[in-house]
Protein backbone atom coordinates (compact mmCIF):
# COMPACT_ATOMS: atom_id res chain seq x y z
CA MET A 1 -6.21 167.19 39.38
CA ASP A 2 -6.51 166.66 35.64
CA LYS A 3 -5.97 162.97 34.71
CA SER A 4 -3.69 163.98 31.84
CA ILE A 5 -1.33 165.66 34.31
CA ILE A 6 -1.11 162.49 36.43
CA ASP A 7 -0.49 160.30 33.40
CA SER A 8 2.30 162.62 32.25
CA ILE A 9 4.32 161.89 35.41
CA PRO A 10 6.99 159.27 34.58
CA HIS A 11 6.02 155.70 35.53
CA ILE A 12 2.55 156.61 36.85
CA SER A 13 0.75 155.75 33.61
CA GLU A 14 2.52 152.37 33.49
CA ILE A 15 1.53 151.62 37.10
CA ASN A 16 -2.08 152.61 36.43
CA ALA A 17 -2.15 150.43 33.34
CA GLN A 18 -0.94 147.43 35.32
CA HIS A 19 -2.96 147.84 38.52
CA GLY A 20 -5.81 150.15 37.63
CA ALA A 21 -6.11 153.79 38.63
CA PHE A 22 -7.68 154.65 42.01
CA ASN A 23 -11.31 155.63 41.32
CA GLY A 24 -12.06 157.15 44.71
CA VAL A 25 -13.71 154.01 46.13
CA LEU A 26 -11.92 152.11 48.93
CA PRO A 27 -11.82 148.32 48.62
CA GLN A 28 -14.47 146.56 50.67
CA GLN A 29 -13.29 145.47 54.12
CA THR A 30 -13.69 141.71 54.45
CA GLN A 31 -12.58 141.41 58.11
CA THR A 32 -13.95 142.90 61.29
CA PHE A 33 -11.63 144.88 63.57
CA GLN A 34 -11.52 141.97 66.01
CA ASP A 35 -10.58 139.55 63.20
CA ARG A 36 -7.76 141.80 62.06
CA MET A 37 -6.38 142.06 65.59
CA LEU A 38 -6.41 138.27 65.95
CA THR A 39 -4.59 137.93 62.64
CA LYS A 40 -1.88 140.36 63.71
CA ASN A 41 -1.44 138.83 67.16
CA LYS A 42 1.84 136.88 67.02
CA ILE A 43 1.58 134.89 70.26
CA LEU A 44 2.14 131.14 69.89
CA PRO A 45 1.44 128.53 72.57
CA SER A 46 4.90 126.96 72.76
CA ILE A 47 8.54 127.05 71.72
CA ARG A 48 7.87 123.91 69.68
CA GLU A 49 5.12 125.63 67.71
CA ALA A 50 7.43 128.59 67.05
CA ILE A 51 10.16 126.28 65.76
CA ILE A 52 7.65 124.63 63.41
CA ARG A 53 6.31 127.96 62.14
CA THR A 54 9.80 129.31 61.38
CA GLY A 55 10.54 126.34 59.16
CA LEU A 56 13.76 125.53 61.02
CA LYS A 57 15.53 122.62 59.36
CA ASP A 58 18.78 120.68 59.56
CA GLY A 59 21.89 122.73 58.84
CA MET A 60 20.37 126.17 59.48
CA THR A 61 21.81 128.99 61.63
CA ILE A 62 20.12 130.19 64.80
CA SER A 63 21.13 133.09 67.03
CA PHE A 64 20.82 134.13 70.65
CA HIS A 65 21.90 137.12 72.74
CA HIS A 66 23.77 137.21 76.05
CA HIS A 67 22.19 140.15 77.85
CA PHE A 68 21.39 137.88 80.80
CA ARG A 69 25.00 136.70 80.82
CA ASN A 70 25.28 133.78 83.28
CA GLY A 71 21.59 134.08 84.18
CA ASP A 72 20.33 133.17 80.71
CA TYR A 73 17.66 130.46 80.36
CA ILE A 74 16.73 130.91 76.69
CA ILE A 75 19.50 128.98 74.94
CA ASN A 76 19.00 125.84 77.00
CA LEU A 77 15.19 126.01 76.70
CA VAL A 78 15.26 126.36 72.93
CA MET A 79 18.04 123.85 72.29
CA ASP A 80 16.35 121.18 74.40
CA GLU A 81 13.17 121.58 72.36
CA ILE A 82 15.07 121.53 69.06
CA ALA A 83 16.81 118.33 70.14
CA LYS A 84 13.46 116.66 70.96
CA MET A 85 12.28 117.51 67.45
CA GLY A 86 15.24 115.71 65.89
CA ILE A 87 16.73 118.73 64.08
CA LYS A 88 20.47 118.29 63.47
CA GLY A 89 23.59 120.04 62.21
CA LEU A 90 22.76 123.57 63.38
CA THR A 91 25.08 126.55 63.65
CA ILE A 92 24.68 128.60 66.82
CA ALA A 93 25.58 132.26 66.27
CA ALA A 94 25.37 133.53 69.86
CA SER A 95 26.66 136.95 70.86
CA SER A 96 28.42 135.18 73.76
CA LEU A 97 28.20 131.98 75.86
CA ASN A 98 28.66 131.44 79.59
CA GLU A 99 29.01 128.76 82.25
CA VAL A 100 25.24 128.26 82.32
CA HIS A 101 25.35 126.94 78.76
CA ALA A 102 27.19 123.72 79.63
CA PRO A 103 24.14 121.68 78.45
CA LEU A 104 25.21 122.54 74.89
CA ILE A 105 27.87 119.85 75.31
CA LYS A 106 25.28 117.07 74.96
CA HIS A 107 23.75 118.77 71.92
CA ILE A 108 27.18 118.90 70.27
CA GLN A 109 27.80 115.24 71.10
CA ASN A 110 24.38 114.25 69.70
CA GLY A 111 24.88 116.15 66.44
CA VAL A 112 22.23 118.81 67.09
CA VAL A 113 24.93 121.50 67.05
CA LYS A 114 27.58 121.30 64.37
CA HIS A 115 29.20 124.74 64.55
CA ILE A 116 29.40 127.73 66.91
CA GLU A 117 30.14 131.39 66.22
CA THR A 118 30.42 133.62 69.27
CA SER A 119 32.40 136.33 71.04
CA GLY A 120 33.52 134.03 73.83
CA MET A 121 32.69 131.21 76.21
CA ARG A 122 33.43 130.08 79.72
CA GLY A 123 33.06 127.10 82.01
CA GLU A 124 32.73 123.42 81.13
CA LEU A 125 31.64 124.12 77.55
CA ALA A 126 34.80 126.13 76.91
CA GLU A 127 36.92 123.48 78.64
CA GLN A 128 35.52 120.68 76.49
CA ILE A 129 35.84 122.64 73.25
CA SER A 130 39.46 123.50 74.14
CA ARG A 131 40.11 119.75 74.39
CA GLY A 132 38.65 118.92 70.99
CA LEU A 133 34.91 118.39 71.54
CA MET A 134 33.84 119.82 68.17
CA GLU A 135 34.73 118.61 64.70
CA PHE A 136 34.74 122.15 63.32
CA PRO A 137 36.53 125.04 65.05
CA VAL A 138 34.54 127.71 66.86
CA VAL A 139 34.74 131.11 65.17
CA PHE A 140 35.33 133.93 67.66
CA ARG A 141 34.37 137.46 66.62
CA SER A 142 34.39 140.77 68.44
CA HIS A 143 31.04 142.45 69.02
CA GLY A 144 31.75 144.85 66.18
CA GLY A 145 33.04 142.05 63.96
CA ARG A 146 29.90 140.00 64.58
CA ALA A 147 27.74 143.01 63.72
CA ALA A 148 29.65 143.59 60.48
CA ALA A 149 29.43 139.90 59.54
CA ILE A 150 25.65 139.95 60.02
CA GLU A 151 25.23 143.22 58.12
CA SER A 152 27.37 142.05 55.19
CA GLY A 153 25.66 138.66 54.97
CA GLU A 154 28.79 136.73 55.94
CA VAL A 155 26.72 135.37 58.84
CA LYS A 156 23.15 134.62 57.72
CA ILE A 157 20.75 134.03 60.58
CA ASP A 158 17.79 131.81 59.71
CA VAL A 159 16.03 132.12 63.07
CA ALA A 160 16.81 134.43 66.00
CA PHE A 161 15.48 133.30 69.39
CA LEU A 162 15.63 136.39 71.58
CA GLY A 163 14.68 136.68 75.25
CA ALA A 164 12.92 139.93 76.22
CA PRO A 165 11.72 140.94 79.69
CA SER A 166 8.62 142.54 78.15
CA CYS A 167 6.79 142.14 74.86
CA ASP A 168 3.32 143.01 73.59
CA PRO A 169 1.20 140.59 71.51
CA TYR A 170 2.55 142.03 68.25
CA GLY A 171 6.25 141.76 69.03
CA ASN A 172 7.34 145.15 70.38
CA ALA A 173 9.97 144.05 72.90
CA ASN A 174 12.17 145.65 75.52
CA GLY A 175 14.73 144.80 78.19
CA TYR A 176 12.51 146.04 81.01
CA SER A 177 8.82 146.47 81.74
CA ARG A 178 6.95 149.69 82.49
CA GLU A 179 3.82 147.80 83.54
CA GLN A 180 5.14 145.24 86.02
CA ASP A 181 7.56 146.30 88.72
CA ASN A 182 8.55 142.71 89.47
CA ALA A 183 9.40 141.90 85.85
CA THR A 184 12.74 140.33 85.05
CA SER A 185 15.06 142.99 83.66
CA CYS A 186 18.27 142.94 81.67
CA GLY A 187 18.37 146.55 80.43
CA SER A 188 19.73 147.17 76.95
CA LEU A 189 19.02 144.67 74.15
CA GLY A 190 21.80 146.11 71.98
CA TYR A 191 23.01 142.79 70.55
CA ALA A 192 19.50 141.37 70.12
CA LYS A 193 18.37 144.46 68.16
CA LEU A 194 20.69 143.64 65.27
CA ASP A 195 19.75 139.96 65.20
CA ALA A 196 16.06 140.85 64.99
CA LEU A 197 16.74 143.26 62.14
CA TYR A 198 18.66 140.81 59.94
CA ALA A 199 17.32 137.34 60.82
CA ARG A 200 15.04 135.64 58.30
CA GLN A 201 12.66 134.85 61.18
CA THR A 202 12.63 136.25 64.72
CA VAL A 203 11.01 134.69 67.78
CA ILE A 204 10.69 136.69 70.98
CA LEU A 205 10.54 134.64 74.18
CA THR A 206 9.21 136.56 77.16
CA ASP A 207 7.84 135.96 80.63
CA HIS A 208 5.77 139.17 80.57
CA ILE A 209 3.22 139.90 77.87
CA VAL A 210 2.24 143.55 78.25
CA ARG A 211 -0.42 145.76 76.69
CA PHE A 212 0.01 147.16 73.20
CA PRO A 213 1.95 149.28 72.48
CA ASN A 214 5.01 148.31 74.51
CA ALA A 215 6.69 151.63 73.88
CA PRO A 216 9.41 152.71 73.89
CA PHE A 217 10.73 149.43 72.49
CA ALA A 218 14.17 148.06 71.71
CA ILE A 219 12.88 145.67 69.05
CA SER A 220 10.01 146.65 66.75
CA GLU A 221 7.12 144.36 65.87
CA ALA A 222 8.13 144.94 62.23
CA ASN A 223 11.15 142.71 62.88
CA VAL A 224 9.35 140.00 64.88
CA ASN A 225 7.48 137.01 63.50
CA TYR A 226 6.34 135.17 66.62
CA VAL A 227 6.05 135.67 70.38
CA VAL A 228 6.15 132.86 72.95
CA ARG A 229 5.45 133.25 76.63
CA VAL A 230 7.59 131.06 78.90
CA ASP A 231 7.73 130.73 82.67
CA ALA A 232 11.09 132.49 82.97
CA ILE A 233 13.65 133.82 80.50
CA GLY A 234 16.51 134.32 82.92
CA ASP A 235 17.84 135.27 86.33
CA ALA A 236 18.51 139.00 86.44
CA GLN A 237 21.12 138.49 89.16
CA GLY A 238 23.21 136.61 86.60
CA ILE A 239 23.85 139.87 84.73
CA MET A 240 26.50 140.64 87.30
CA SER A 241 29.54 138.40 86.79
CA GLY A 242 33.10 138.22 88.02
CA SER A 243 34.24 140.39 85.13
CA THR A 244 31.88 143.21 86.15
CA ARG A 245 32.45 143.11 89.89
CA PHE A 246 32.98 146.17 92.10
CA THR A 247 36.56 145.58 93.22
CA LYS A 248 38.04 146.18 96.66
CA ASN A 249 41.33 144.50 95.77
CA PRO A 250 44.19 146.86 96.76
CA LYS A 251 46.29 145.87 93.75
CA GLU A 252 43.44 146.55 91.34
CA LEU A 253 42.67 149.87 93.04
CA LEU A 254 46.32 150.91 92.67
CA ILE A 255 46.21 150.03 88.98
CA ALA A 256 42.94 151.95 88.57
CA LYS A 257 44.35 155.04 90.27
CA THR A 258 47.44 154.91 88.05
CA ALA A 259 45.24 154.52 84.96
CA ALA A 260 43.27 157.63 85.97
CA ASP A 261 46.58 159.51 86.34
CA VAL A 262 47.58 158.32 82.86
CA ILE A 263 44.30 159.62 81.41
CA GLU A 264 44.76 162.97 83.13
CA ALA A 265 48.28 163.38 81.73
CA SER A 266 47.56 161.92 78.27
CA GLY A 267 46.10 165.03 76.67
CA TYR A 268 42.66 163.43 76.22
CA PHE A 269 41.20 164.53 79.55
CA TYR A 270 39.32 167.72 78.81
CA ASP A 271 35.85 169.20 79.25
CA GLY A 272 33.65 167.21 76.86
CA PHE A 273 35.73 164.01 76.59
CA SER A 274 34.21 160.59 75.79
CA MET A 275 35.08 157.26 77.38
CA GLN A 276 34.45 153.56 77.76
CA MET A 277 35.39 151.35 80.70
CA GLY A 278 35.82 147.68 79.80
CA SER A 279 35.07 144.71 82.02
CA GLY A 280 37.38 143.73 84.85
CA GLY A 281 37.79 145.14 88.33
CA ALA A 282 40.64 147.55 87.60
CA SER A 283 39.19 148.98 84.40
CA LEU A 284 35.79 149.57 86.00
CA ALA A 285 37.39 151.07 89.11
CA THR A 286 39.24 153.64 87.02
CA ALA A 287 36.02 155.64 86.74
CA ARG A 288 35.97 156.05 90.53
CA PHE A 289 39.28 157.88 90.43
CA LEU A 290 38.34 159.86 87.33
CA ARG A 291 35.29 161.14 89.18
CA GLU A 292 37.53 162.88 91.73
CA LYS A 293 39.54 164.59 88.99
CA MET A 294 36.38 165.64 87.14
CA GLU A 295 34.87 167.17 90.26
CA ARG A 296 38.12 168.92 91.11
CA ASP A 297 38.56 170.47 87.66
CA ASN A 298 34.85 170.92 86.83
CA ILE A 299 35.18 168.63 83.79
CA ARG A 300 32.25 166.79 82.22
CA CYS A 301 32.17 163.70 80.03
CA ARG A 302 30.26 164.12 76.76
CA PHE A 303 29.22 160.47 76.62
CA ALA A 304 30.04 157.11 78.18
CA LEU A 305 29.80 154.08 75.92
CA GLY A 306 29.58 150.30 75.97
CA GLY A 307 28.64 147.96 78.75
CA ILE A 308 27.19 150.25 81.40
CA THR A 309 27.43 149.88 85.19
CA GLY A 310 25.71 151.55 88.11
CA GLN A 311 28.86 153.56 88.66
CA ILE A 312 28.49 155.24 85.26
CA VAL A 313 24.81 155.84 86.02
CA GLU A 314 25.69 157.56 89.30
CA MET A 315 28.17 159.84 87.55
CA HIS A 316 25.50 160.68 84.99
CA GLU A 317 22.94 161.47 87.69
CA GLU A 318 25.49 163.70 89.41
CA GLY A 319 25.90 165.70 86.19
CA LEU A 320 29.40 164.44 85.38
CA ILE A 321 28.33 162.50 82.25
CA ASP A 322 25.94 164.05 79.73
CA ARG A 323 24.84 160.98 77.77
CA ILE A 324 25.02 157.21 78.16
CA LEU A 325 25.10 154.97 75.06
CA ASP A 326 24.31 151.49 76.34
CA VAL A 327 24.84 148.37 74.23
CA GLN A 328 24.66 146.10 77.29
CA SER A 329 23.66 146.80 80.90
CA PHE A 330 26.15 145.25 83.31
CA ASP A 331 23.99 145.48 86.44
CA LEU A 332 20.43 146.16 87.58
CA ILE A 333 21.14 149.79 88.43
CA ALA A 334 22.05 150.38 84.79
CA ALA A 335 18.95 148.46 83.65
CA GLU A 336 16.69 150.61 85.85
CA SER A 337 18.33 153.80 84.65
CA LEU A 338 17.68 152.83 81.04
CA LYS A 339 13.98 152.63 81.84
CA ASN A 340 13.78 155.96 83.64
CA ASN A 341 16.36 158.26 82.06
CA ARG A 342 15.86 159.71 78.58
CA PHE A 343 19.55 160.55 78.24
CA HIS A 344 20.45 156.89 78.82
CA GLN A 345 19.93 155.29 75.41
CA GLN A 346 20.24 151.70 74.23
CA ILE A 347 22.14 151.30 70.97
CA ASP A 348 22.57 148.34 68.66
CA ALA A 349 25.83 146.49 68.00
CA SER A 350 26.31 148.09 64.59
CA TYR A 351 26.14 151.64 65.88
CA TYR A 352 28.33 150.57 68.76
CA ALA A 353 31.26 149.04 66.93
CA SER A 354 30.74 147.73 63.38
CA ILE A 355 33.72 148.50 61.16
CA ILE A 356 31.39 148.96 58.18
CA ASN A 357 29.29 151.52 60.02
CA GLY A 358 30.90 154.86 59.25
CA GLY A 359 29.31 156.46 62.30
CA ALA A 360 30.19 153.75 64.84
CA ALA A 361 30.37 155.19 68.34
CA VAL A 362 33.74 153.55 69.13
CA ASN A 363 35.31 155.88 66.58
CA GLN A 364 34.22 158.85 68.67
CA LEU A 365 35.95 157.66 71.86
CA ASP A 366 38.72 159.74 73.37
CA PHE A 367 39.90 156.87 75.54
CA VAL A 368 39.03 153.34 76.53
CA VAL A 369 40.28 151.39 79.54
CA LEU A 370 40.44 147.62 78.97
CA SER A 371 41.60 144.57 80.88
CA ALA A 372 43.80 141.69 79.66
CA LEU A 373 44.70 138.11 80.50
CA GLU A 374 48.09 138.44 78.77
CA ILE A 375 50.16 141.19 77.17
CA ASP A 376 53.33 140.54 75.24
CA VAL A 377 56.38 142.66 74.52
CA ASN A 378 54.87 143.67 71.17
CA PHE A 379 51.78 144.98 72.99
CA ASN A 380 49.57 142.19 71.61
CA ILE A 381 46.66 141.40 73.93
CA ASN A 382 45.01 138.09 74.86
CA VAL A 383 41.60 138.15 76.53
CA LEU A 384 40.39 134.77 75.29
CA THR A 385 42.59 131.91 76.53
CA GLY A 386 44.15 131.27 79.92
CA SER A 387 47.77 130.51 80.77
CA ASP A 388 46.93 126.81 80.29
CA GLY A 389 45.63 127.39 76.76
CA VAL A 390 42.01 126.75 77.71
CA ILE A 391 39.33 129.15 76.48
CA ARG A 392 38.29 131.25 79.47
CA GLY A 393 36.95 134.57 78.22
CA ALA A 394 35.47 136.64 75.45
CA ILE A 395 36.72 139.07 72.85
CA GLY A 396 33.79 141.42 73.50
CA GLY A 397 34.45 144.89 72.18
CA HIS A 398 38.18 144.78 73.01
CA PRO A 399 39.72 145.26 69.54
CA ASP A 400 36.80 147.43 68.38
CA THR A 401 37.32 150.03 71.09
CA ALA A 402 41.12 149.81 71.08
CA ASP A 403 41.07 150.56 67.36
CA GLY A 404 38.44 153.28 67.54
CA ALA A 405 39.60 155.25 70.58
CA SER A 406 42.18 158.01 70.41
CA ILE A 407 44.08 156.29 73.21
CA SER A 408 43.66 152.70 74.39
CA ILE A 409 44.80 151.86 77.92
CA ILE A 410 45.22 148.26 79.07
CA VAL A 411 45.14 147.57 82.82
CA ALA A 412 46.40 144.34 84.39
CA PRO A 413 48.50 143.19 87.35
CA LEU A 414 52.10 142.35 86.50
CA THR A 415 51.49 138.83 87.83
CA ARG A 416 48.45 136.79 88.86
CA GLY A 417 49.46 134.34 91.54
CA ARG A 418 52.43 132.50 90.06
CA ILE A 419 51.55 133.47 86.49
CA PRO A 420 53.11 136.42 84.62
CA THR A 421 50.72 138.75 82.81
CA ILE A 422 53.35 140.39 80.62
CA VAL A 423 55.03 137.69 78.55
CA LYS A 424 57.30 137.37 75.54
CA LYS A 425 54.46 136.06 73.37
CA VAL A 426 50.75 135.78 74.17
CA ASN A 427 48.95 132.46 73.71
CA THR A 428 46.27 134.03 71.52
CA ILE A 429 46.32 137.40 69.78
CA VAL A 430 42.95 139.09 70.09
CA THR A 431 43.91 142.77 69.93
CA PRO A 432 47.04 143.53 67.89
CA GLY A 433 49.77 145.61 69.46
CA ALA A 434 49.57 148.25 66.74
CA ILE A 435 46.33 149.59 68.26
CA VAL A 436 47.36 149.33 71.94
CA ASP A 437 48.82 152.55 73.33
CA VAL A 438 49.49 152.21 77.07
CA VAL A 439 49.80 149.29 79.50
CA VAL A 440 49.26 150.02 83.20
CA THR A 441 50.33 147.51 85.87
CA ASP A 442 50.77 147.68 89.61
CA GLN A 443 54.53 147.93 89.07
CA GLY A 444 54.83 150.42 86.27
CA ILE A 445 53.56 151.74 82.96
CA ALA A 446 54.64 150.91 79.41
CA VAL A 447 53.89 153.06 76.35
CA ASN A 448 53.83 151.74 72.81
CA PRO A 449 56.81 153.18 70.86
CA LEU A 450 54.27 154.17 68.19
CA ARG A 451 53.01 156.84 70.62
CA PRO A 452 56.14 158.77 71.71
CA GLU A 453 54.11 161.90 72.45
CA ILE A 454 52.10 159.98 75.06
CA LYS A 455 55.29 158.71 76.70
CA ASP A 456 56.67 162.25 76.90
CA ARG A 457 53.48 163.52 78.55
CA LEU A 458 53.46 160.73 81.15
CA LEU A 459 57.13 161.25 81.97
CA SER A 460 56.52 164.99 82.33
CA ALA A 461 53.75 164.18 84.83
CA GLY A 462 56.21 162.14 86.88
CA LEU A 463 54.57 158.78 86.21
CA PRO A 464 56.64 155.55 86.41
CA VAL A 465 57.16 154.68 82.73
CA PHE A 466 59.31 151.71 81.67
CA ASP A 467 60.03 149.81 78.49
CA ILE A 468 57.64 146.89 78.24
CA GLU A 469 60.61 144.50 78.05
CA THR A 470 61.66 145.74 81.49
CA LEU A 471 58.24 144.92 82.92
CA GLN A 472 58.29 141.51 81.24
CA ARG A 473 61.69 140.66 82.77
CA ARG A 474 60.48 141.88 86.17
CA ALA A 475 57.46 139.56 85.99
CA GLU A 476 59.74 136.69 85.01
CA ARG A 477 62.06 137.35 87.95
CA ILE A 478 59.10 137.28 90.36
CA VAL A 479 57.34 134.11 89.18
CA GLY A 480 59.75 132.42 86.82
CA VAL A 481 59.18 131.20 83.28
CA PRO A 482 55.95 129.23 82.76
CA GLU A 483 56.16 125.78 81.21
CA ASP A 484 55.17 125.54 77.57
CA ILE A 485 51.59 124.45 76.89
CA CYS A 486 51.24 121.14 75.06
CA TYR A 487 48.99 121.49 72.02
CA THR A 488 47.90 119.08 69.31
CA ASP A 489 47.70 120.04 65.64
CA LYS A 490 43.91 120.25 65.74
CA ILE A 491 42.47 123.78 65.51
CA VAL A 492 39.55 124.25 67.92
CA GLY A 493 39.06 127.99 67.48
CA VAL A 494 39.58 130.67 64.84
CA VAL A 495 39.99 134.22 66.10
CA MET A 496 38.78 136.98 63.80
CA TYR A 497 39.89 140.59 63.93
CA ARG A 498 37.15 143.22 63.81
CA ASP A 499 37.37 143.37 60.00
CA ASN A 500 36.60 139.61 59.94
CA THR A 501 40.02 138.50 58.80
CA VAL A 502 41.79 135.75 60.76
CA ILE A 503 44.21 137.10 63.34
CA ASP A 504 45.03 133.85 65.19
CA VAL A 505 43.93 130.26 65.84
CA ILE A 506 43.46 128.26 69.03
CA ARG A 507 44.79 124.71 69.06
CA GLN A 508 43.52 121.79 71.08
CA VAL A 509 45.08 121.43 74.51
CA GLU A 510 46.48 117.98 75.21
CA GLU A 511 44.95 116.01 78.08
């Protein structure tokens, strides 16, 4: 091509003037192939070395994922090493925390951890924080809210420490291994994917270094700075928790059957529908009763979303569900399916539920079935604090899916032991009543007055529909009125709605 033609293209002549035009001779290679491979290899000998290389300092923010749920080893491994190095005043931005993370208590007491942002927490850590352990309140965000906060820069992650069941020497990581059958597996790395993308530095911790390329991968080497091999990253059996159990409880099965009847009558049960089943025995069991209706009417689900269980996988393999969009695998059957099935795809938290992602999958849901700790007469939902005011759960994707789905269905028993589930006012608002459509209990159904067309359809189907005030009074007659919880003025938690505005606060529970 004539040089005058090239120079006439806007900006090209300026670039050539600054850097010199290419003269057809490649620059001399100064490294051998082996040298270049060693340079690109990101494996470090220890967690300590990785912490040093990232430049982690006092006051920075570090993140972790919870795909191993109560089987996670990574947080405790990393935090113990950070504490030994004398680093203080850190913010932990974990996608969620569990009982296994009780050792964080000592790191809070010793000043290593100053602040926590998470979706939820359980166990002794949650108990101590509820009673005033931390100087600064914990910020609780939904999975979609956390994704949006990271994307917008509201939460800036300095270093992400992410456990991966397989990783090659250059950082391509996944939630399973195709090379080692005995590898630890957690399935989807949907929450970790976003952390790796936005963190200033990313460290992959793995117990299985595999050959390059580790493809397909959940996390690309382009988003990974260092790789550390450790003895074990987690216990895969810990993925299954009480909130993802396969229920045999007759009360929960009755609720699940009723919820399936509600879906059938709602107008959103058609060939090509989309769905998500939240955690909790009754919500997960609803799919078992939907399966019967789908087989009877030859109806298929276009896609199932969210935390995925073996039950959803079985329905997919039977041809009842076309696609699975998996942000978190809830059991090992789901993790194995992700490895073997090309129509079972792992998605990141932004695509799943971020309010600033215009194509978020939650917005394509026909219906979602969710559990609750408390529901009040204004249809507000609490999934975070117990009847004693102590933090006992997680927001998860609750408000994200309730807002995005065409119909949100909440399933819960009318009472748990001597505790009412439907109350006059919930302890903590997590999901506002304006986006909750139907409440299903073992003793009746309530429909939000904002959805009169749904109420008419359920009544026409002969389902037992009541005003929610009627159900609340019934619960009160059965178990009585609970005593008021004694709180102090200290705020121990701030609850954010999915748009990252404050929807409620959690106050310290008195001893």
